[in-house]
């Protein structure tokens, strides 16, 4: 979520590389975020290769902001 909050969209490979997580782990986490309606996932092709692109939803932005505010309160 913290990656997507500052980007218009990000592809699966970018997210995997930036997080250092395995492809399976990223896939599971993205699926959970999509089911919560925090992100949209678009599947397409770039040439002959599959391309999975993610972008954060308004609900996801609100949830992330609430999370950050809760952390500030806890630390604060």
PDB file of N, CA and C in Angstrom:
ATOM      1  N   UNK A   1       0.824  -1.188   0.000  1.00  0.00           N
ATOM      2  CA  UNK A   1       0.000   0.000   0.000  1.00  0.00           C
ATOM      3  C   UNK A   1       0.866   1.249   0.000  1.00  0.00           C
ATOM      4  N   UNK A   2       1.951   1.225   0.783  1.00  0.00           N
ATOM      5  CA  UNK A   2       2.789   2.419   0.856  1.00  0.00           C
ATOM      6  C   UNK A   2       3.455   2.720  -0.486  1.00  0.00           C
ATOM      7  N   UNK A   3       3.691   1.697  -1.293  1.00  0.00           N
ATOM      8  CA  UNK A   3       4.232   1.930  -2.639  1.00  0.00           C
ATOM      9  C   UNK A   3       3.167   2.574  -3.528  1.00  0.00           C
ATOM     10  N   UNK A   4       1.983   2.040  -3.484  1.00  0.00           N
ATOM     11  CA  UNK A   4       0.922   2.499  -4.388  1.00  0.00           C
ATOM     12  C   UNK A   4       0.360   3.861  -4.021  1.00  0.00           C
ATOM     13  N   UNK A   5       0.484   4.253  -2.764  1.00  0.00           N
ATOM     14  CA  UNK A   5      -0.084   5.530  -2.328  1.00  0.00           C
ATOM     15  C   UNK A   5       0.573   6.707  -3.054  1.00  0.00           C
ATOM     16  N   UNK A   6       1.825   6.541  -3.437  1.00  0.00           N
ATOM     17  CA  UNK A   6       2.544   7.652  -4.069  1.00  0.00           C
ATOM     18  C   UNK A   6       2.658   7.509  -5.593  1.00  0.00           C
ATOM     19  N   UNK A   7       2.079   6.444  -6.147  1.00  0.00           N
ATOM     20  CA  UNK A   7       2.162   6.202  -7.586  1.00  0.00           C
ATOM     21  C   UNK A   7       0.773   6.125  -8.202  1.00  0.00           C
ATOM     22  N   UNK A   8       0.679   6.493  -9.463  1.00  0.00           N
ATOM     23  CA  UNK A   8      -0.593   6.346 -10.168  1.00  0.00           C
ATOM     24  C   UNK A   8      -0.921   4.866 -10.327  1.00  0.00           C
ATOM     25  N   UNK A   9       0.095   4.078 -10.660  1.00  0.00           N
ATOM     26  CA  UNK A   9      -0.060   2.627 -10.769  1.00  0.00           C
ATOM     27  C   UNK A   9       1.325   1.985 -10.722  1.00  0.00           C
ATOM     28  N   UNK A  10       1.344   0.689 -10.496  1.00  0.00           N
ATOM     29  CA  UNK A  10       2.606  -0.051 -10.468  1.00  0.00           C
ATOM     30  C   UNK A  10       2.340  -1.452 -10.988  1.00  0.00           C
ATOM     31  N   UNK A  11       3.317  -2.001 -11.708  1.00  0.00           N
ATOM     32  CA  UNK A  11       3.131  -3.357 -12.197  1.00  0.00           C
ATOM     33  C   UNK A  11       3.680  -4.367 -11.188  1.00  0.00           C
ATOM     34  N   UNK A  12       3.288  -5.607 -11.382  1.00  0.00           N
ATOM     35  CA  UNK A  12       3.615  -6.692 -10.459  1.00  0.00           C
ATOM     36  C   UNK A  12       5.121  -6.814 -10.240  1.00  0.00           C
ATOM     37  N   UNK A  13       5.887  -6.771 -11.304  1.00  0.00           N
ATOM     38  CA  UNK A  13       7.342  -6.937 -11.200  1.00  0.00           C
ATOM     39  C   UNK A  13       7.951  -5.799 -10.371  1.00  0.00           C
ATOM     40  N   UNK A  14       7.512  -4.582 -10.589  1.00  0.00           N
ATOM     41  CA  UNK A  14       7.996  -3.435  -9.817  1.00  0.00           C
ATOM     42  C   UNK A  14       7.712  -3.645  -8.335  1.00  0.00           C
ATOM     43  N   UNK A  15       6.488  -4.043  -8.007  1.00  0.00           N
ATOM     44  CA  UNK A  15       6.113  -4.265  -6.607  1.00  0.00           C
ATOM     45  C   UNK A  15       6.957  -5.380  -5.999  1.00  0.00           C
ATOM     46  N   UNK A  16       7.126  -6.468  -6.737  1.00  0.00           N
ATOM     47  CA  UNK A  16       7.929  -7.596  -6.244  1.00  0.00           C
ATOM     48  C   UNK A  16       9.361  -7.168  -5.979  1.00  0.00           C
ATOM     49  N   UNK A  17       9.949  -6.426  -6.904  1.00  0.00           N
ATOM     50  CA  UNK A  17      11.334  -5.984  -6.751  1.00  0.00           C
ATOM     51  C   UNK A  17      11.488  -4.998  -5.594  1.00  0.00           C
ATOM     52  N   UNK A  18      10.568  -4.059  -5.459  1.00  0.00           N
ATOM     53  CA  UNK A  18      10.669  -3.039  -4.405  1.00  0.00           C
ATOM     54  C   UNK A  18      10.449  -3.623  -3.012  1.00  0.00           C
ATOM     55  N   UNK A  19       9.584  -4.630  -2.921  1.00  0.00           N
ATOM     56  CA  UNK A  19       9.314  -5.217  -1.608  1.00  0.00           C
ATOM     57  C   UNK A  19      10.294  -6.329  -1.246  1.00  0.00           C
ATOM     58  N   UNK A  20      10.914  -6.915  -2.245  1.00  0.00           N
ATOM     59  CA  UNK A  20      11.820  -8.033  -1.992  1.00  0.00           C
ATOM     60  C   UNK A  20      11.083  -9.316  -1.645  1.00  0.00           C
ATOM     61  N   UNK A  21       9.775  -9.328  -1.857  1.00  0.00           N
ATOM     62  CA  UNK A  21       8.959 -10.502  -1.555  1.00  0.00           C
ATOM     63  C   UNK A  21       8.958 -11.469  -2.733  1.00  0.00           C
ATOM     64  N   UNK A  22       8.569 -12.694  -2.454  1.00  0.00           N
ATOM     65  CA  UNK A  22       8.463 -13.675  -3.533  1.00  0.00           C
ATOM     66  C   UNK A  22       7.230 -13.367  -4.379  1.00  0.00           C
ATOM     67  N   UNK A  23       7.220 -13.887  -5.592  1.00  0.00           N
ATOM     68  CA  UNK A  23       6.078 -13.678  -6.483  1.00  0.00           C
ATOM     69  C   UNK A  23       4.800 -14.230  -5.857  1.00  0.00           C
ATOM     70  N   UNK A  24       4.892 -15.377  -5.211  1.00  0.00           N
ATOM     71  CA  UNK A  24       3.724 -15.970  -4.567  1.00  0.00           C
ATOM     72  C   UNK A  24       3.182 -15.104  -3.450  1.00  0.00           C
ATOM     73  N   UNK A  25       4.088 -14.559  -2.638  1.00  0.00           N
ATOM     74  CA  UNK A  25       3.677 -13.710  -1.528  1.00  0.00           C
ATOM     75  C   UNK A  25       3.014 -12.443  -2.046  1.00  0.00           C
ATOM     76  N   UNK A  26       3.610 -11.816  -3.040  1.00  0.00           N
ATOM     77  CA  UNK A  26       3.029 -10.596  -3.613  1.00  0.00           C
ATOM     78  C   UNK A  26       1.652 -10.902  -4.186  1.00  0.00           C
ATOM     79  N   UNK A  27       1.529 -12.013  -4.873  1.00  0.00           N
ATOM     80  CA  UNK A  27       0.260 -12.394  -5.479  1.00  0.00           C
ATOM     81  C   UNK A  27      -0.826 -12.559  -4.421  1.00  0.00           C
ATOM     82  N   UNK A  28      -0.508 -13.230  -3.327  1.00  0.00           N
ATOM     83  CA  UNK A  28      -1.482 -13.441  -2.246  1.00  0.00           C
ATOM     84  C   UNK A  28      -1.882 -12.111  -1.618  1.00  0.00           C
ATOM     85  N   UNK A  29      -0.907 -11.245  -1.349  1.00  0.00           N
ATOM     86  CA  UNK A  29      -1.198  -9.956  -0.713  1.00  0.00           C
ATOM     87  C   UNK A  29      -2.029  -9.059  -1.627  1.00  0.00           C
ATOM     88  N   UNK A  30      -1.699  -9.040  -2.913  1.00  0.00           N
ATOM     89  CA  UNK A  30      -2.474  -8.235  -3.856  1.00  0.00           C
ATOM     90  C   UNK A  30      -3.910  -8.740  -3.946  1.00  0.00           C
ATOM     91  N   UNK A  31      -4.079 -10.045  -3.927  1.00  0.00           N
ATOM     92  CA  UNK A  31      -5.424 -10.627  -3.971  1.00  0.00           C
ATOM     93  C   UNK A  31      -6.231 -10.184  -2.755  1.00  0.00           C
ATOM     94  N   UNK A  32      -5.631 -10.191  -1.570  1.00  0.00           N
ATOM     95  CA  UNK A  32      -6.321  -9.759  -0.345  1.00  0.00           C
ATOM     96  C   UNK A  32      -6.692  -8.284  -0.423  1.00  0.00           C
ATOM     97  N   UNK A  33      -5.780  -7.458  -0.925  1.00  0.00           N
ATOM     98  CA  UNK A  33      -6.057  -6.020  -1.044  1.00  0.00           C
ATOM     99  C   UNK A  33      -7.158  -5.753  -2.059  1.00  0.00           C
ATOM    100  N   UNK A  34      -7.180  -6.519  -3.130  1.00  0.00           N
ATOM    101  CA  UNK A  34      -8.233  -6.350  -4.133  1.00  0.00           C
ATOM    102  C   UNK A  34      -9.588  -6.772  -3.558  1.00  0.00           C
ATOM    103  N   UNK A  35      -9.633  -7.864  -2.814  1.00  0.00           N
ATOM    104  CA  UNK A  35     -10.889  -8.324  -2.217  1.00  0.00           C
ATOM    105  C   UNK A  35     -11.426  -7.315  -1.203  1.00  0.00           C
ATOM    106  N   UNK A  36     -10.520  -6.577  -0.543  1.00  0.00           N
ATOM    107  CA  UNK A  36     -10.935  -5.542   0.404  1.00  0.00           C
ATOM    108  C   UNK A  36     -11.310  -4.250  -0.307  1.00  0.00           C
ATOM    109  N   UNK A  37     -11.163  -4.219  -1.635  1.00  0.00           N
ATOM    110  CA  UNK A  37     -11.436  -3.046  -2.459  1.00  0.00           C
ATOM    111  C   UNK A  37     -10.479  -1.895  -2.158  1.00  0.00           C
ATOM    112  N   UNK A  38      -9.259  -2.247  -1.763  1.00  0.00           N
ATOM    113  CA  UNK A  38      -8.226  -1.244  -1.513  1.00  0.00           C
ATOM    114  C   UNK A  38      -7.403  -0.955  -2.772  1.00  0.00           C
ATOM    115  N   UNK A  39      -7.369  -1.911  -3.701  1.00  0.00           N
ATOM    116  CA  UNK A  39      -6.662  -1.715  -4.968  1.00  0.00           C
ATOM    117  C   UNK A  39      -7.494  -2.289  -6.109  1.00  0.00           C
ATOM    118  N   UNK A  40      -7.207  -1.802  -7.315  1.00  0.00           N
ATOM    119  CA  UNK A  40      -7.738  -2.384  -8.547  1.00  0.00           C
ATOM    120  C   UNK A  40      -6.584  -3.094  -9.238  1.00  0.00           C
ATOM    121  N   UNK A  41      -6.864  -4.251  -9.788  1.00  0.00           N
ATOM    122  CA  UNK A  41      -5.859  -5.004 -10.539  1.00  0.00           C
ATOM    123  C   UNK A  41      -6.334  -5.126 -11.978  1.00  0.00           C
ATOM    124  N   UNK A  42      -5.458  -4.752 -12.897  1.00  0.00           N
ATOM    125  CA  UNK A  42      -5.753  -4.856 -14.325  1.00  0.00           C
ATOM    126  C   UNK A  42      -4.758  -5.824 -14.949  1.00  0.00           C
ATOM    127  N   UNK A  43      -5.274  -6.822 -15.641  1.00  0.00           N
ATOM    128  CA  UNK A  43      -4.413  -7.798 -16.315  1.00  0.00           C
ATOM    129  C   UNK A  43      -4.490  -7.564 -17.816  1.00  0.00           C
ATOM    130  N   UNK A  44      -3.305  -7.475 -18.432  1.00  0.00           N
ATOM    131  CA  UNK A  44      -3.228  -7.259 -19.876  1.00  0.00           C
ATOM    132  C   UNK A  44      -1.952  -7.935 -20.375  1.00  0.00           C
ATOM    133  N   UNK A  45      -1.538  -7.561 -21.566  1.00  0.00           N
ATOM    134  CA  UNK A  45      -0.307  -8.099 -22.127  1.00  0.00           C
ATOM    135  C   UNK A  45       0.572  -6.963 -22.616  1.00  0.00           C
ATOM    136  N   UNK A  46       1.865  -7.133 -22.451  1.00  0.00           N
ATOM    137  CA  UNK A  46       2.866  -6.237 -23.016  1.00  0.00           C
ATOM    138  C   UNK A  46       3.637  -7.091 -24.004  1.00  0.00           C
ATOM    139  N   UNK A  47       3.277  -6.951 -25.273  1.00  0.00           N
ATOM    140  CA  UNK A  47       3.786  -7.887 -26.260  1.00  0.00           C
ATOM    141  C   UNK A  47       3.120  -9.229 -26.008  1.00  0.00           C
ATOM    142  N   UNK A  48       3.921 -10.260 -25.797  1.00  0.00           N
ATOM    143  CA  UNK A  48       3.375 -11.588 -25.511  1.00  0.00           C
ATOM    144  C   UNK A  48       3.435 -11.930 -24.032  1.00  0.00           C
ATOM    145  N   UNK A  49       3.929 -11.000 -23.211  1.00  0.00           N
ATOM    146  CA  UNK A  49       4.065 -11.258 -21.781  1.00  0.00           C
ATOM    147  C   UNK A  49       2.883 -10.692 -21.007  1.00  0.00           C
ATOM    148  N   UNK A  50       2.421 -11.435 -20.005  1.00  0.00           N
ATOM    149  CA  UNK A  50       1.333 -10.914 -19.171  1.00  0.00           C
ATOM    150  C   UNK A  50       1.798  -9.700 -18.374  1.00  0.00           C
ATOM    151  N   UNK A  51       0.903  -8.771 -18.170  1.00  0.00           N
ATOM    152  CA  UNK A  51       1.209  -7.555 -17.414  1.00  0.00           C
ATOM    153  C   UNK A  51       0.085  -7.332 -16.410  1.00  0.00           C
ATOM    154  N   UNK A  52       0.448  -7.356 -15.134  1.00  0.00           N
ATOM    155  CA  UNK A  52      -0.499  -7.103 -14.055  1.00  0.00           C
ATOM    156  C   UNK A  52      -0.180  -5.740 -13.467  1.00  0.00           C
ATOM    157  N   UNK A  53      -1.152  -4.844 -13.518  1.00  0.00           N
ATOM    158  CA  UNK A  53      -0.966  -3.478 -13.032  1.00  0.00           C
ATOM    159  C   UNK A  53      -1.942  -3.215 -11.891  1.00  0.00           C
ATOM    160  N   UNK A  54      -1.454  -2.535 -10.861  1.00  0.00           N
ATOM    161  CA  UNK A  54      -2.267  -2.241  -9.688  1.00  0.00           C
ATOM    162  C   UNK A  54      -2.336  -0.744  -9.454  1.00  0.00           C
ATOM    163  N   UNK A  55      -3.482  -0.290  -8.992  1.00  0.00           N
ATOM    164  CA  UNK A  55      -3.600   1.098  -8.529  1.00  0.00           C
ATOM    165  C   UNK A  55      -4.508   1.131  -7.309  1.00  0.00           C
ATOM    166  N   UNK A  56      -4.248   2.075  -6.441  1.00  0.00           N
ATOM    167  CA  UNK A  56      -4.975   2.182  -5.185  1.00  0.00           C
ATOM    168  C   UNK A  56      -6.330   2.849  -5.416  1.00  0.00           C
ATOM    169  N   UNK A  57      -7.334   2.399  -4.694  1.00  0.00           N
ATOM    170  CA  UNK A  57      -8.680   2.968  -4.805  1.00  0.00           C
ATOM    171  C   UNK A  57      -8.859   4.083  -3.764  1.00  0.00           C
ATOM    172  N   UNK A  58      -9.956   4.803  -3.873  1.00  0.00           N
ATOM    173  CA  UNK A  58     -10.259   5.829  -2.865  1.00  0.00           C
ATOM    174  C   UNK A  58     -10.416   5.193  -1.484  1.00  0.00           C
ATOM    175  N   UNK A  59     -11.062   4.037  -1.446  1.00  0.00           N
ATOM    176  CA  UNK A  59     -11.213   3.309  -0.182  1.00  0.00           C
ATOM    177  C   UNK A  59      -9.839   2.912   0.374  1.00  0.00           C
ATOM    178  N   UNK A  60      -8.936   2.512  -0.510  1.00  0.00           N
ATOM    179  CA  UNK A  60      -7.583   2.142  -0.096  1.00  0.00           C
ATOM    180  C   UNK A  60      -6.810   3.333   0.444  1.00  0.00           C
ATOM    181  N   UNK A  61      -6.965   4.484  -0.194  1.00  0.00           N
ATOM    182  CA  UNK A  61      -6.298   5.705   0.277  1.00  0.00           C
ATOM    183  C   UNK A  61      -6.807   6.053   1.670  1.00  0.00           C
ATOM    184  N   UNK A  62      -8.119   5.997   1.851  1.00  0.00           N
ATOM    185  CA  UNK A  62      -8.705   6.321   3.153  1.00  0.00           C
ATOM    186  C   UNK A  62      -8.206   5.347   4.225  1.00  0.00           C
ATOM    187  N   UNK A  63      -8.187   4.062   3.915  1.00  0.00           N
ATOM    188  CA  UNK A  63      -7.727   3.052   4.874  1.00  0.00           C
ATOM    189  C   UNK A  63      -6.261   3.270   5.230  1.00  0.00           C
ATOM    190  N   UNK A  64      -5.437   3.609   4.242  1.00  0.00           N
ATOM    191  CA  UNK A  64      -4.016   3.841   4.499  1.00  0.00           C
ATOM    192  C   UNK A  64      -3.823   5.084   5.370  1.00  0.00           C
ATOM    193  N   UNK A  65      -4.567   6.138   5.081  1.00  0.00           N
ATOM    194  CA  UNK A  65      -4.471   7.356   5.886  1.00  0.00           C
ATOM    195  C   UNK A  65      -4.888   7.096   7.333  1.00  0.00           C
ATOM    196  N   UNK A  66      -5.949   6.309   7.521  1.00  0.00           N
ATOM    197  CA  UNK A  66      -6.384   5.956   8.870  1.00  0.00           C
ATOM    198  C   UNK A  66      -5.310   5.144   9.591  1.00  0.00           C
ATOM    199  N   UNK A  67      -4.684   4.236   8.870  1.00  0.00           N
ATOM    200  CA  UNK A  67      -3.605   3.416   9.427  1.00  0.00           C
ATOM    201  C   UNK A  67      -2.446   4.300   9.896  1.00  0.00           C
ATOM    202  N   UNK A  68      -2.035   5.228   9.059  1.00  0.00           N
ATOM    203  CA  UNK A  68      -0.937   6.136   9.408  1.00  0.00           C
ATOM    204  C   UNK A  68      -1.320   6.992  10.617  1.00  0.00           C
ATOM    205  N   UNK A  69      -2.533   7.507  10.636  1.00  0.00           N
ATOM    206  CA  UNK A  69      -2.985   8.313  11.779  1.00  0.00           C
ATOM    207  C   UNK A  69      -3.021   7.488  13.062  1.00  0.00           C
ATOM    208  N   UNK A  70      -3.449   6.252  12.978  1.00  0.00           N
ATOM    209  CA  UNK A  70      -3.454   5.374  14.153  1.00  0.00           C
ATOM    210  C   UNK A  70      -2.038   5.120  14.652  1.00  0.00           C
ATOM    211  N   UNK A  71      -1.099   4.944  13.729  1.00  0.00           N
ATOM    212  CA  UNK A  71       0.299   4.768  14.132  1.00  0.00           C
ATOM    213  C   UNK A  71       0.832   6.013  14.829  1.00  0.00           C
ATOM    214  N   UNK A  72       0.508   7.177  14.286  1.00  0.00           N
ATOM    215  CA  UNK A  72       0.947   8.441  14.909  1.00  0.00           C
ATOM    216  C   UNK A  72       0.384   8.565  16.322  1.00  0.00           C
ATOM    217  N   UNK A  73      -0.868   8.206  16.496  1.00  0.00           N
ATOM    218  CA  UNK A  73      -1.501   8.267  17.816  1.00  0.00           C
ATOM    219  C   UNK A  73      -0.816   7.301  18.765  1.00  0.00           C
ATOM    220  N   UNK A  74      -0.538   6.105  18.296  1.00  0.00           N
ATOM    221  CA  UNK A  74       0.098   5.085  19.120  1.00  0.00           C
ATOM    222  C   UNK A  74       1.505   5.511  19.550  1.00  0.00           C
ATOM    223  N   UNK A  75       2.264   6.045  18.590  1.00  0.00           N
ATOM    224  CA  UNK A  75       3.654   6.444  18.863  1.00  0.00           C
ATOM    225  C   UNK A  75       3.688   7.719  19.688  1.00  0.00           C
ATOM    226  N   UNK A  76       2.758   8.609  19.391  1.00  0.00           N
ATOM    227  CA  UNK A  76       2.740   9.873  19.835  1.00  0.00           C
ATOM    228  C   UNK A  76       2.687  10.659  20.963  1.00  0.00           C
TER     229      UNK A  76
END
